[in-house]
PDB file of N, CA and C in Angstrom:
ATOM      1  N   MET A   1      81.733 127.318  82.213  1.00  0.00           N
ATOM      2  CA  MET A   1      81.606 126.407  83.346  1.00  0.00           C
ATOM      3  C   MET A   1      81.437 127.229  84.622  1.00  0.00           C
ATOM      4  N   ASN A   2      80.367 126.994  85.363  1.00  0.00           N
ATOM      5  CA  ASN A   2      80.124 127.680  86.623  1.00  0.00           C
ATOM      6  C   ASN A   2      80.255 126.767  87.832  1.00  0.00           C
ATOM      7  N   GLU A   3      80.522 125.463  87.583  1.00  0.00           N
ATOM      8  CA  GLU A   3      80.619 124.534  88.706  1.00  0.00           C
ATOM      9  C   GLU A   3      81.540 123.377  88.356  1.00  0.00           C
ATOM     10  N   TYR A   4      82.251 122.894  89.384  1.00  0.00           N
ATOM     11  CA  TYR A   4      83.105 121.721  89.251  1.00  0.00           C
ATOM     12  C   TYR A   4      82.889 120.871  90.493  1.00  0.00           C
ATOM     13  N   ILE A   5      82.632 119.585  90.289  1.00  0.00           N
ATOM     14  CA  ILE A   5      82.430 118.668  91.411  1.00  0.00           C
ATOM     15  C   ILE A   5      83.221 117.391  91.152  1.00  0.00           C
ATOM     16  N   ASP A   6      83.967 116.950  92.169  1.00  0.00           N
ATOM     17  CA  ASP A   6      84.599 115.630  92.152  1.00  0.00           C
ATOM     18  C   ASP A   6      84.627 115.120  93.589  1.00  0.00           C
ATOM     19  N   ASP A   7      85.428 114.103  93.868  1.00  0.00           N
ATOM     20  CA  ASP A   7      85.492 113.550  95.222  1.00  0.00           C
ATOM     21  C   ASP A   7      86.201 114.472  96.206  1.00  0.00           C
ATOM     22  N   ASN A   8      86.962 115.445  95.684  1.00  0.00           N
ATOM     23  CA  ASN A   8      87.744 116.337  96.533  1.00  0.00           C
ATOM     24  C   ASN A   8      87.063 117.664  96.828  1.00  0.00           C
ATOM     25  N   PHE A   9      86.355 118.208  95.829  1.00  0.00           N
ATOM     26  CA  PHE A   9      85.822 119.569  95.918  1.00  0.00           C
ATOM     27  C   PHE A   9      84.449 119.695  95.291  1.00  0.00           C
ATOM     28  N   ASN A  10      83.749 120.699  95.752  1.00  0.00           N
ATOM     29  CA  ASN A  10      82.578 121.224  95.055  1.00  0.00           C
ATOM     30  C   ASN A  10      82.871 122.717  94.926  1.00  0.00           C
ATOM     31  N   ILE A  11      83.099 123.177  93.714  1.00  0.00           N
ATOM     32  CA  ILE A  11      83.445 124.574  93.457  1.00  0.00           C
ATOM     33  C   ILE A  11      82.370 125.152  92.559  1.00  0.00           C
ATOM     34  N   LYS A  12      81.809 126.305  92.962  1.00  0.00           N
ATOM     35  CA  LYS A  12      80.799 126.934  92.119  1.00  0.00           C
ATOM     36  C   LYS A  12      80.827 128.448  92.287  1.00  0.00           C
ATOM     37  N   LEU A  13      80.393 129.116  91.243  1.00  0.00           N
ATOM     38  CA  LEU A  13      80.244 130.569  91.245  1.00  0.00           C
ATOM     39  C   LEU A  13      78.761 130.855  91.316  1.00  0.00           C
ATOM     40  N   GLU A  14      78.362 131.564  92.372  1.00  0.00           N
ATOM     41  CA  GLU A  14      76.944 131.843  92.576  1.00  0.00           C
ATOM     42  C   GLU A  14      76.782 133.207  93.247  1.00  0.00           C
ATOM     43  N   ASP A  15      75.959 134.060  92.673  1.00  0.00           N
ATOM     44  CA  ASP A  15      75.668 135.387  93.229  1.00  0.00           C
ATOM     45  C   ASP A  15      76.929 136.194  93.524  1.00  0.00           C
ATOM     46  N   GLY A  16      77.910 136.109  92.642  1.00  0.00           N
ATOM     47  CA  GLY A  16      79.122 136.910  92.780  1.00  0.00           C
ATOM     48  C   GLY A  16      80.107 136.419  93.817  1.00  0.00           C
ATOM     49  N   ILE A  17      79.946 135.187  94.288  1.00  0.00           N
ATOM     50  CA  ILE A  17      80.867 134.583  95.260  1.00  0.00           C
ATOM     51  C   ILE A  17      81.272 133.200  94.752  1.00  0.00           C
ATOM     52  N   VAL A  18      82.549 132.881  94.876  1.00  0.00           N
ATOM     53  CA  VAL A  18      83.026 131.533  94.573  1.00  0.00           C
ATOM     54  C   VAL A  18      82.922 130.720  95.861  1.00  0.00           C
ATOM     55  N   TYR A  19      82.198 129.625  95.779  1.00  0.00           N
ATOM     56  CA  TYR A  19      82.056 128.715  96.922  1.00  0.00           C
ATOM     57  C   TYR A  19      82.906 127.491  96.647  1.00  0.00           C
ATOM     58  N   ILE A  20      83.718 127.132  97.634  1.00  0.00           N
ATOM     59  CA  ILE A  20      84.485 125.901  97.509  1.00  0.00           C
ATOM     60  C   ILE A  20      84.316 125.094  98.789  1.00  0.00           C
ATOM     61  N   ALA A  21      83.817 123.890  98.634  1.00  0.00           N
ATOM     62  CA  ALA A  21      83.676 122.972  99.760  1.00  0.00           C
ATOM     63  C   ALA A  21      84.744 121.895  99.612  1.00  0.00           C
ATOM     64  N   PHE A  22      85.562 121.762 100.631  1.00  0.00           N
ATOM     65  CA  PHE A  22      86.570 120.702 100.672  1.00  0.00           C
ATOM     66  C   PHE A  22      85.881 119.455 101.217  1.00  0.00           C
ATOM     67  N   LEU A  23      85.903 118.363 100.467  1.00  0.00           N
ATOM     68  CA  LEU A  23      85.110 117.182 100.780  1.00  0.00           C
ATOM     69  C   LEU A  23      85.899 116.047 101.425  1.00  0.00           C
ATOM     70  N   LYS A  24      87.202 116.215 101.559  1.00  0.00           N
ATOM     71  CA  LYS A  24      88.047 115.175 102.157  1.00  0.00           C
ATOM     72  C   LYS A  24      88.659 115.683 103.465  1.00  0.00           C
ATOM     73  N   GLU A  25      89.192 114.755 104.242  1.00  0.00           N
ATOM     74  CA  GLU A  25      89.851 115.123 105.497  1.00  0.00           C
ATOM     75  C   GLU A  25      91.325 115.461 105.298  1.00  0.00           C
ATOM     76  N   PHE A  26      91.934 114.938 104.246  1.00  0.00           N
ATOM     77  CA  PHE A  26      93.371 115.113 104.023  1.00  0.00           C
ATOM     78  C   PHE A  26      93.604 115.494 102.569  1.00  0.00           C
ATOM     79  N   TYR A  27      94.530 116.424 102.344  1.00  0.00           N
ATOM     80  CA  TYR A  27      94.842 116.887 100.991  1.00  0.00           C
ATOM     81  C   TYR A  27      96.340 116.861 100.732  1.00  0.00           C
ATOM     82  N   ASN A  28      96.680 116.549  99.479  1.00  0.00           N
ATOM     83  CA  ASN A  28      98.075 116.607  99.053  1.00  0.00           C
ATOM     84  C   ASN A  28      98.221 117.696  97.985  1.00  0.00           C
ATOM     85  N   TYR A  29      99.436 117.881  97.512  1.00  0.00           N
ATOM     86  CA  TYR A  29      99.733 118.937  96.542  1.00  0.00           C
ATOM     87  C   TYR A  29      98.874 118.808  95.278  1.00  0.00           C
ATOM     88  N   ASP A  30      98.806 117.608  94.716  1.00  0.00           N
ATOM     89  CA  ASP A  30      98.086 117.419  93.457  1.00  0.00           C
ATOM     90  C   ASP A  30      96.601 117.760  93.589  1.00  0.00           C
ATOM     91  N   GLN A  31      96.008 117.404  94.713  1.00  0.00           N
ATOM     92  CA  GLN A  31      94.598 117.721  94.924  1.00  0.00           C
ATOM     93  C   GLN A  31      94.380 119.236  95.003  1.00  0.00           C
ATOM     94  N   ILE A  32      95.212 119.925  95.768  1.00  0.00           N
ATOM     95  CA  ILE A  32      95.081 121.379  95.910  1.00  0.00           C
ATOM     96  C   ILE A  32      95.367 122.057  94.576  1.00  0.00           C
ATOM     97  N   ASP A  33      96.370 121.578  93.864  1.00  0.00           N
ATOM     98  CA  ASP A  33      96.698 122.134  92.554  1.00  0.00           C
ATOM     99  C   ASP A  33      95.500 122.015  91.604  1.00  0.00           C
ATOM    100  N   LEU A  34      94.861 120.867  91.583  1.00  0.00           N
ATOM    101  CA  LEU A  34      93.683 120.669  90.737  1.00  0.00           C
ATOM    102  C   LEU A  34      92.564 121.628  91.142  1.00  0.00           C
ATOM    103  N   GLY A  35      92.322 121.762  92.436  1.00  0.00           N
ATOM    104  CA  GLY A  35      91.276 122.665  92.911  1.00  0.00           C
ATOM    105  C   GLY A  35      91.522 124.102  92.487  1.00  0.00           C
ATOM    106  N   ILE A  36      92.766 124.557  92.583  1.00  0.00           N
ATOM    107  CA  ILE A  36      93.112 125.919  92.168  1.00  0.00           C
ATOM    108  C   ILE A  36      92.883 126.079  90.664  1.00  0.00           C
ATOM    109  N   LYS A  37      93.321 125.111  89.888  1.00  0.00           N
ATOM    110  CA  LYS A  37      93.151 125.191  88.430  1.00  0.00           C
ATOM    111  C   LYS A  37      91.676 125.190  88.033  1.00  0.00           C
ATOM    112  N   LYS A  38      90.853 124.386  88.691  1.00  0.00           N
ATOM    113  CA  LYS A  38      89.425 124.356  88.376  1.00  0.00           C
ATOM    114  C   LYS A  38      88.764 125.675  88.772  1.00  0.00           C
ATOM    115  N   ARG A  39      89.157 126.246  89.913  1.00  0.00           N
ATOM    116  CA  ARG A  39      88.607 127.544  90.316  1.00  0.00           C
ATOM    117  C   ARG A  39      88.981 128.612  89.307  1.00  0.00           C
ATOM    118  N   LEU A  40      90.215 128.585  88.820  1.00  0.00           N
ATOM    119  CA  LEU A  40      90.652 129.556  87.816  1.00  0.00           C
ATOM    120  C   LEU A  40      89.852 129.408  86.520  1.00  0.00           C
ATOM    121  N   GLU A  41      89.523 128.182  86.136  1.00  0.00           N
ATOM    122  CA  GLU A  41      88.679 127.978  84.950  1.00  0.00           C
ATOM    123  C   GLU A  41      87.307 128.606  85.158  1.00  0.00           C
ATOM    124  N   ILE A  42      86.775 128.487  86.353  1.00  0.00           N
ATOM    125  CA  ILE A  42      85.443 129.019  86.649  1.00  0.00           C
ATOM    126  C   ILE A  42      85.441 130.544  86.660  1.00  0.00           C
ATOM    127  N   VAL A  43      86.437 131.175  87.266  1.00  0.00           N
ATOM    128  CA  VAL A  43      86.426 132.646  87.376  1.00  0.00           C
ATOM    129  C   VAL A  43      86.908 133.331  86.112  1.00  0.00           C
ATOM    130  N   GLY A  44      87.661 132.638  85.280  1.00  0.00           N
ATOM    131  CA  GLY A  44      88.175 133.248  84.052  1.00  0.00           C
ATOM    132  C   GLY A  44      89.048 134.450  84.374  1.00  0.00           C
ATOM    133  N   ASP A  45      88.786 135.576  83.721  1.00  0.00           N
ATOM    134  CA  ASP A  45      89.575 136.790  83.941  1.00  0.00           C
ATOM    135  C   ASP A  45      88.981 137.687  85.025  1.00  0.00           C
ATOM    136  N   ASN A  46      88.008 137.198  85.766  1.00  0.00           N
ATOM    137  CA  ASN A  46      87.328 137.997  86.786  1.00  0.00           C
ATOM    138  C   ASN A  46      87.855 137.677  88.180  1.00  0.00           C
ATOM    139  N   SER A  47      87.526 138.545  89.134  1.00  0.00           N
ATOM    140  CA  SER A  47      87.888 138.335  90.537  1.00  0.00           C
ATOM    141  C   SER A  47      86.631 138.354  91.392  1.00  0.00           C
ATOM    142  N   TYR A  48      86.597 137.466  92.373  1.00  0.00           N
ATOM    143  CA  TYR A  48      85.440 137.327  93.244  1.00  0.00           C
ATOM    144  C   TYR A  48      85.895 137.061  94.679  1.00  0.00           C
ATOM    145  N   PRO A  49      85.040 137.389  95.649  1.00  0.00           N
ATOM    146  CA  PRO A  49      85.296 136.896  97.001  1.00  0.00           C
ATOM    147  C   PRO A  49      85.029 135.393  97.021  1.00  0.00           C
ATOM    148  N   MET A  50      85.668 134.692  97.982  1.00  0.00           N
ATOM    149  CA  MET A  50      85.549 133.240  98.025  1.00  0.00           C
ATOM    150  C   MET A  50      85.148 132.773  99.417  1.00  0.00           C
ATOM    151  N   PHE A  51      84.156 131.893  99.451  1.00  0.00           N
ATOM    152  CA  PHE A  51      83.721 131.238 100.677  1.00  0.00           C
ATOM    153  C   PHE A  51      84.297 129.833 100.650  1.00  0.00           C
ATOM    154  N   SER A  52      85.188 129.535 101.598  1.00  0.00           N
ATOM    155  CA  SER A  52      85.907 128.266 101.617  1.00  0.00           C
ATOM    156  C   SER A  52      85.436 127.425 102.805  1.00  0.00           C
ATOM    157  N   ASP A  53      84.639 126.399 102.527  1.00  0.00           N
ATOM    158  CA  ASP A  53      84.120 125.518 103.574  1.00  0.00           C
ATOM    159  C   ASP A  53      85.171 124.462 103.886  1.00  0.00           C
ATOM    160  N   PHE A  54      85.858 124.693 104.991  1.00  0.00           N
ATOM    161  CA  PHE A  54      87.012 123.888 105.378  1.00  0.00           C
ATOM    162  C   PHE A  54      86.681 122.930 106.522  1.00  0.00           C
ATOM    163  N   ARG A  55      85.397 122.770 106.836  1.00  0.00           N
ATOM    164  CA  ARG A  55      85.011 122.042 108.046  1.00  0.00           C
ATOM    165  C   ARG A  55      85.444 120.578 108.060  1.00  0.00           C
ATOM    166  N   LYS A  56      85.525 119.922 106.924  1.00  0.00           N
ATOM    167  CA  LYS A  56      85.884 118.500 106.897  1.00  0.00           C
ATOM    168  C   LYS A  56      87.396 118.270 106.955  1.00  0.00           C
ATOM    169  N   VAL A  57      88.170 119.300 106.652  1.00  0.00           N
ATOM    170  CA  VAL A  57      89.624 119.124 106.537  1.00  0.00           C
ATOM    171  C   VAL A  57      90.265 118.948 107.915  1.00  0.00           C
ATOM    172  N   LYS A  58      91.087 117.924 108.009  1.00  0.00           N
ATOM    173  CA  LYS A  58      91.832 117.672 109.241  1.00  0.00           C
ATOM    174  C   LYS A  58      93.320 117.955 109.071  1.00  0.00           C
ATOM    175  N   SER A  59      93.846 117.739 107.839  1.00  0.00           N
ATOM    176  CA  SER A  59      95.276 117.911 107.629  1.00  0.00           C
ATOM    177  C   SER A  59      95.587 117.941 106.139  1.00  0.00           C
ATOM    178  N   GLY A  60      96.843 118.258 105.858  1.00  0.00           N
ATOM    179  CA  GLY A  60      97.347 118.238 104.492  1.00  0.00           C
ATOM    180  C   GLY A  60      98.855 118.181 104.515  1.00  0.00           C
ATOM    181  N   THR A  61      99.426 117.821 103.398  1.00  0.00           N
ATOM    182  CA  THR A  61     100.882 117.768 103.326  1.00  0.00           C
ATOM    183  C   THR A  61     101.466 119.178 103.352  1.00  0.00           C
ATOM    184  N   ARG A  62     102.727 119.261 103.671  1.00  0.00           N
ATOM    185  CA  ARG A  62     103.430 120.544 103.663  1.00  0.00           C
ATOM    186  C   ARG A  62     103.343 121.175 102.277  1.00  0.00           C
ATOM    187  N   GLU A  63     103.514 120.356 101.251  1.00  0.00           N
ATOM    188  CA  GLU A  63     103.456 120.841  99.873  1.00  0.00           C
ATOM    189  C   GLU A  63     102.070 121.378  99.527  1.00  0.00           C
ATOM    190  N   ALA A  64     101.025 120.743 100.051  1.00  0.00           N
ATOM    191  CA  ALA A  64      99.664 121.228  99.815  1.00  0.00           C
ATOM    192  C   ALA A  64      99.486 122.605 100.431  1.00  0.00           C
ATOM    193  N   ARG A  65      99.981 122.787 101.644  1.00  0.00           N
ATOM    194  CA  ARG A  65      99.880 124.098 102.300  1.00  0.00           C
ATOM    195  C   ARG A  65     100.669 125.151 101.537  1.00  0.00           C
ATOM    196  N   GLN A  66     101.829 124.782 101.040  1.00  0.00           N
ATOM    197  CA  GLN A  66     102.626 125.717 100.246  1.00  0.00           C
ATOM    198  C   GLN A  66     101.909 126.085  98.953  1.00  0.00           C
ATOM    199  N   ARG A  67     101.210 125.129  98.361  1.00  0.00           N
ATOM    200  CA  ARG A  67     100.495 125.386  97.104  1.00  0.00           C
ATOM    201  C   ARG A  67      99.450 126.479  97.277  1.00  0.00           C
ATOM    202  N   PHE A  68      98.817 126.527  98.439  1.00  0.00           N
ATOM    203  CA  PHE A  68      97.848 127.581  98.721  1.00  0.00           C
ATOM    204  C   PHE A  68      98.469 128.974  98.672  1.00  0.00           C
ATOM    205  N   SER A  69      99.757 129.082  98.943  1.00  0.00           N
ATOM    206  CA  SER A  69     100.399 130.403  99.014  1.00  0.00           C
ATOM    207  C   SER A  69     101.115 130.797  97.723  1.00  0.00           C
ATOM    208  N   GLU A  70     101.109 129.941  96.716  1.00  0.00           N
ATOM    209  CA  GLU A  70     101.752 130.287  95.452  1.00  0.00           C
ATOM    210  C   GLU A  70     100.961 131.386  94.745  1.00  0.00           C
ATOM    211  N   LYS A  71     101.660 132.148  93.917  1.00  0.00           N
ATOM    212  CA  LYS A  71     101.095 133.351  93.308  1.00  0.00           C
ATOM    213  C   LYS A  71      99.765 133.110  92.593  1.00  0.00           C
ATOM    214  N   ASP A  72      99.686 132.062  91.783  1.00  0.00           N
ATOM    215  CA  ASP A  72      98.455 131.844  91.026  1.00  0.00           C
ATOM    216  C   ASP A  72      97.280 131.419  91.908  1.00  0.00           C
ATOM    217  N   ALA A  73      97.550 130.985  93.128  1.00  0.00           N
ATOM    218  CA  ALA A  73      96.466 130.601  94.034  1.00  0.00           C
ATOM    219  C   ALA A  73      95.602 131.806  94.399  1.00  0.00           C
ATOM    220  N   GLY A  74      96.154 133.004  94.300  1.00  0.00           N
ATOM    221  CA  GLY A  74      95.413 134.214  94.636  1.00  0.00           C
ATOM    222  C   GLY A  74      94.780 134.919  93.457  1.00  0.00           C
ATOM    223  N   ILE A  75      95.058 134.445  92.260  1.00  0.00           N
ATOM    224  CA  ILE A  75      94.469 135.077  91.070  1.00  0.00           C
ATOM    225  C   ILE A  75      92.955 134.882  91.105  1.00  0.00           C
ATOM    226  N   GLY A  76      92.244 135.959  90.860  1.00  0.00           N
ATOM    227  CA  GLY A  76      90.783 135.893  90.816  1.00  0.00           C
ATOM    228  C   GLY A  76      90.117 135.869  92.176  1.00  0.00           C
ATOM    229  N   VAL A  77      90.889 136.099  93.251  1.00  0.00           N
ATOM    230  CA  VAL A  77      90.340 136.071  94.609  1.00  0.00           C
ATOM    231  C   VAL A  77      90.478 137.449  95.240  1.00  0.00           C
ATOM    232  N   LYS A  78      89.344 138.046  95.600  1.00  0.00           N
ATOM    233  CA  LYS A  78      89.359 139.358  96.258  1.00  0.00           C
ATOM    234  C   LYS A  78      89.518 139.229  97.769  1.00  0.00           C
ATOM    235  N   ALA A  79      88.918 138.207  98.349  1.00  0.00           N
ATOM    236  CA  ALA A  79      88.970 137.950  99.789  1.00  0.00           C
ATOM    237  C   ALA A  79      88.498 136.525 100.027  1.00  0.00           C
ATOM    238  N   VAL A  80      88.893 135.956 101.177  1.00  0.00           N
ATOM    239  CA  VAL A  80      88.515 134.580 101.495  1.00  0.00           C
ATOM    240  C   VAL A  80      87.937 134.513 102.902  1.00  0.00           C
ATOM    241  N   ALA A  81      86.738 133.951 102.997  1.00  0.00           N
ATOM    242  CA  ALA A  81      86.142 133.616 104.287  1.00  0.00           C
ATOM    243  C   ALA A  81      86.309 132.113 104.458  1.00  0.00           C
ATOM    244  N   VAL A  82      87.053 131.717 105.476  1.00  0.00           N
ATOM    245  CA  VAL A  82      87.296 130.307 105.738  1.00  0.00           C
ATOM    246  C   VAL A  82      86.308 129.856 106.813  1.00  0.00           C
ATOM    247  N   TYR A  83      85.449 128.925 106.438  1.00  0.00           N
ATOM    248  CA  TYR A  83      84.394 128.433 107.318  1.00  0.00           C
ATOM    249  C   TYR A  83      84.881 127.153 107.988  1.00  0.00           C
ATOM    250  N   ILE A  84      84.993 127.197 109.329  1.00  0.00           N
ATOM    251  CA  ILE A  84      85.491 126.058 110.105  1.00  0.00           C
ATOM    252  C   ILE A  84      84.490 125.741 111.215  1.00  0.00           C
ATOM    253  N   ASN A  85      84.741 124.650 111.929  1.00  0.00           N
ATOM    254  CA  ASN A  85      83.842 124.306 113.025  1.00  0.00           C
ATOM    255  C   ASN A  85      84.548 123.837 114.285  1.00  0.00           C
ATOM    256  N   SER A  86      85.861 124.080 114.392  1.00  0.00           N
ATOM    257  CA  SER A  86      86.545 123.653 115.613  1.00  0.00           C
ATOM    258  C   SER A  86      87.690 124.595 115.961  1.00  0.00           C
ATOM    259  N   LYS A  87      87.998 124.623 117.238  1.00  0.00           N
ATOM    260  CA  LYS A  87      89.121 125.450 117.708  1.00  0.00           C
ATOM    261  C   LYS A  87      90.441 124.895 117.189  1.00  0.00           C
ATOM    262  N   VAL A  88      90.519 123.585 117.028  1.00  0.00           N
ATOM    263  CA  VAL A  88      91.742 122.970 116.502  1.00  0.00           C
ATOM    264  C   VAL A  88      92.001 123.486 115.086  1.00  0.00           C
ATOM    265  N   GLN A  89      90.957 123.540 114.256  1.00  0.00           N
ATOM    266  CA  GLN A  89      91.119 124.064 112.893  1.00  0.00           C
ATOM    267  C   GLN A  89      91.561 125.522 112.927  1.00  0.00           C
ATOM    268  N   LYS A  90      91.007 126.304 113.841  1.00  0.00           N
ATOM    269  CA  LYS A  90      91.367 127.715 113.946  1.00  0.00           C
ATOM    270  C   LYS A  90      92.838 127.870 114.311  1.00  0.00           C
ATOM    271  N   ILE A  91      93.285 127.114 115.274  1.00  0.00           N
ATOM    272  CA  ILE A  91      94.697 127.165 115.678  1.00  0.00           C
ATOM    273  C   ILE A  91      95.587 126.733 114.514  1.00  0.00           C
ATOM    274  N   MET A  92      95.214 125.639 113.870  1.00  0.00           N
ATOM    275  CA  MET A  92      95.991 125.121 112.741  1.00  0.00           C
ATOM    276  C   MET A  92      96.048 126.152 111.612  1.00  0.00           C
ATOM    277  N   PHE A  93      94.897 126.733 111.274  1.00  0.00           N
ATOM    278  CA  PHE A  93      94.852 127.710 110.190  1.00  0.00           C
ATOM    279  C   PHE A  93      95.698 128.936 110.525  1.00  0.00           C
ATOM    280  N   ASN A  94      95.561 129.474 111.735  1.00  0.00           N
ATOM    281  CA  ASN A  94      96.331 130.663 112.114  1.00  0.00           C
ATOM    282  C   ASN A  94      97.824 130.388 112.096  1.00  0.00           C
ATOM    283  N   PHE A  95      98.225 129.199 112.539  1.00  0.00           N
ATOM    284  CA  PHE A  95      99.644 128.839 112.518  1.00  0.00           C
ATOM    285  C   PHE A  95     100.176 128.804 111.086  1.00  0.00           C
ATOM    286  N   PHE A  96      99.483 128.093 110.220  1.00  0.00           N
ATOM    287  CA  PHE A  96      99.963 127.970 108.846  1.00  0.00           C
ATOM    288  C   PHE A  96      99.850 129.279 108.076  1.00  0.00           C
ATOM    289  N   ASN A  97      98.861 130.091 108.407  1.00  0.00           N
ATOM    290  CA  ASN A  97      98.732 131.389 107.742  1.00  0.00           C
ATOM    291  C   ASN A  97      99.867 132.331 108.147  1.00  0.00           C
ATOM    292  N   SER A  98     100.432 132.123 109.329  1.00  0.00           N
ATOM    293  CA  SER A  98     101.572 132.952 109.732  1.00  0.00           C
ATOM    294  C   SER A  98     102.837 132.560 108.963  1.00  0.00           C
ATOM    295  N   ILE A  99     102.896 131.332 108.493  1.00  0.00           N
ATOM    296  CA  ILE A  99     104.046 130.855 107.713  1.00  0.00           C
ATOM    297  C   ILE A  99     103.825 131.087 106.221  1.00  0.00           C
ATOM    298  N   TYR A 100     102.672 130.654 105.730  1.00  0.00           N
ATOM    299  CA  TYR A 100     102.331 130.773 104.316  1.00  0.00           C
ATOM    300  C   TYR A 100     101.252 131.841 104.191  1.00  0.00           C
ATOM    301  N   LYS A 101     101.644 133.050 103.936  1.00  0.00           N
ATOM    302  CA  LYS A 101     100.710 134.176 103.899  1.00  0.00           C
ATOM    303  C   LYS A 101      99.640 133.999 102.827  1.00  0.00           C
ATOM    304  N   ALA A 102      98.406 134.259 103.208  1.00  0.00           N
ATOM    305  CA  ALA A 102      97.295 134.195 102.266  1.00  0.00           C
ATOM    306  C   ALA A 102      97.450 135.302 101.228  1.00  0.00           C
ATOM    307  N   PRO A 103      97.116 135.031  99.968  1.00  0.00           N
ATOM    308  CA  PRO A 103      97.296 136.018  98.899  1.00  0.00           C
ATOM    309  C   PRO A 103      96.208 137.097  98.842  1.00  0.00           C
ATOM    310  N   ALA A 104      95.198 137.010  99.708  1.00  0.00           N
ATOM    311  CA  ALA A 104      94.102 137.984  99.734  1.00  0.00           C
ATOM    312  C   ALA A 104      93.645 138.126 101.183  1.00  0.00           C
ATOM    313  N   PRO A 105      92.902 139.201 101.511  1.00  0.00           N
ATOM    314  CA  PRO A 105      92.374 139.316 102.873  1.00  0.00           C
ATOM    315  C   PRO A 105      91.617 138.040 103.244  1.00  0.00           C
ATOM    316  N   THR A 106      91.921 137.504 104.414  1.00  0.00           N
ATOM    317  CA  THR A 106      91.356 136.227 104.826  1.00  0.00           C
ATOM    318  C   THR A 106      90.908 136.302 106.280  1.00  0.00           C
ATOM    319  N   ARG A 107      89.712 135.809 106.538  1.00  0.00           N
ATOM    320  CA  ARG A 107      89.207 135.726 107.906  1.00  0.00           C
ATOM    321  C   ARG A 107      88.594 134.361 108.139  1.00  0.00           C
ATOM    322  N   ILE A 108      88.617 133.931 109.397  1.00  0.00           N
ATOM    323  CA  ILE A 108      88.072 132.644 109.800  1.00  0.00           C
ATOM    324  C   ILE A 108      86.701 132.876 110.443  1.00  0.00           C
ATOM    325  N   PHE A 109      85.765 131.996 110.123  1.00  0.00           N
ATOM    326  CA  PHE A 109      84.414 132.105 110.665  1.00  0.00           C
ATOM    327  C   PHE A 109      83.901 130.739 111.096  1.00  0.00           C
ATOM    328  N   THR A 110      83.070 130.740 112.142  1.00  0.00           N
ATOM    329  CA  THR A 110      82.332 129.547 112.531  1.00  0.00           C
ATOM    330  C   THR A 110      80.838 129.749 112.253  1.00  0.00           C
ATOM    331  N   ASP A 111      80.479 130.912 111.757  1.00  0.00           N
ATOM    332  CA  ASP A 111      79.097 131.257 111.423  1.00  0.00           C
ATOM    333  C   ASP A 111      79.034 131.597 109.927  1.00  0.00           C
ATOM    334  N   LYS A 112      78.310 130.781 109.172  1.00  0.00           N
ATOM    335  CA  LYS A 112      78.252 130.952 107.716  1.00  0.00           C
ATOM    336  C   LYS A 112      77.660 132.301 107.323  1.00  0.00           C
ATOM    337  N   GLU A 113      76.603 132.727 107.976  1.00  0.00           N
ATOM    338  CA  GLU A 113      75.973 134.002 107.637  1.00  0.00           C
ATOM    339  C   GLU A 113      76.906 135.189 107.865  1.00  0.00           C
ATOM    340  N   LYS A 114      77.672 135.150 108.945  1.00  0.00           N
ATOM    341  CA  LYS A 114      78.638 136.231 109.211  1.00  0.00           C
ATOM    342  C   LYS A 114      79.739 136.233 108.156  1.00  0.00           C
ATOM    343  N   ALA A 115      80.138 135.056 107.743  1.00  0.00           N
ATOM    344  CA  ALA A 115      81.170 134.950 106.700  1.00  0.00           C
ATOM    345  C   ALA A 115      80.672 135.557 105.395  1.00  0.00           C
ATOM    346  N   LEU A 116      79.454 135.203 105.008  1.00  0.00           N
ATOM    347  CA  LEU A 116      78.900 135.724 103.760  1.00  0.00           C
ATOM    348  C   LEU A 116      78.671 137.235 103.844  1.00  0.00           C
ATOM    349  N   LYS A 117      78.272 137.707 105.000  1.00  0.00           N
ATOM    350  CA  LYS A 117      78.084 139.152 105.182  1.00  0.00           C
ATOM    351  C   LYS A 117      79.421 139.877 105.021  1.00  0.00           C
ATOM    352  N   TRP A 118      80.491 139.324 105.592  1.00  0.00           N
ATOM    353  CA  TRP A 118      81.814 139.927 105.471  1.00  0.00           C
ATOM    354  C   TRP A 118      82.256 139.965 104.002  1.00  0.00           C
ATOM    355  N   LEU A 119      81.966 138.908 103.260  1.00  0.00           N
ATOM    356  CA  LEU A 119      82.370 138.848 101.857  1.00  0.00           C
ATOM    357  C   LEU A 119      81.630 139.853 100.983  1.00  0.00           C
ATOM    358  N   GLU A 120      80.439 140.264 101.381  1.00  0.00           N
ATOM    359  CA  GLU A 120      79.644 141.210 100.600  1.00  0.00           C
ATOM    360  C   GLU A 120      80.430 142.480 100.256  1.00  0.00           C
ATOM    361  N   GLN A 121      81.269 142.957 101.177  1.00  0.00           N
ATOM    362  CA  GLN A 121      82.024 144.182 100.936  1.00  0.00           C
ATOM    363  C   GLN A 121      83.041 144.038  99.810  1.00  0.00           C
ATOM    364  N   TYR A 122      83.344 142.809  99.417  1.00  0.00           N
ATOM    365  CA  TYR A 122      84.337 142.576  98.367  1.00  0.00           C
ATOM    366  C   TYR A 122      83.714 142.270  97.013  1.00  0.00           C
ATOM    367  N   LYS A 123      82.395 142.294  96.922  1.00  0.00           N
ATOM    368  CA  LYS A 123      81.730 142.031  95.640  1.00  0.00           C
ATOM    369  C   LYS A 123      81.957 143.187  94.679  1.00  0.00           C
TER     370      LYS A 123
END
């Protein structure tokens, strides 16, 4: 399986990068847990950089944010480029990242090409 699509996510492995698009504005623990499990099915025993399109996300439960920081959430991830489109998202992400440490090198981008260029070093 190289791709998973539902109402919550579009996850695919393409050209050595895992792409995940978050398709909802709000996420809970079960949704994030499912997304992590589907990504793990796609990567198998391999590790890849990940492009995370977070532009639609407005909020999530505390448990959902904690789920991102659990040990298995970082399995198979070399680095994460988080693609956003607002200063509010940047502030929110930086705040939560200071509490729930990302399991891999993580940077925020508002330019998709710059994000993908940064991820190239982790291929």
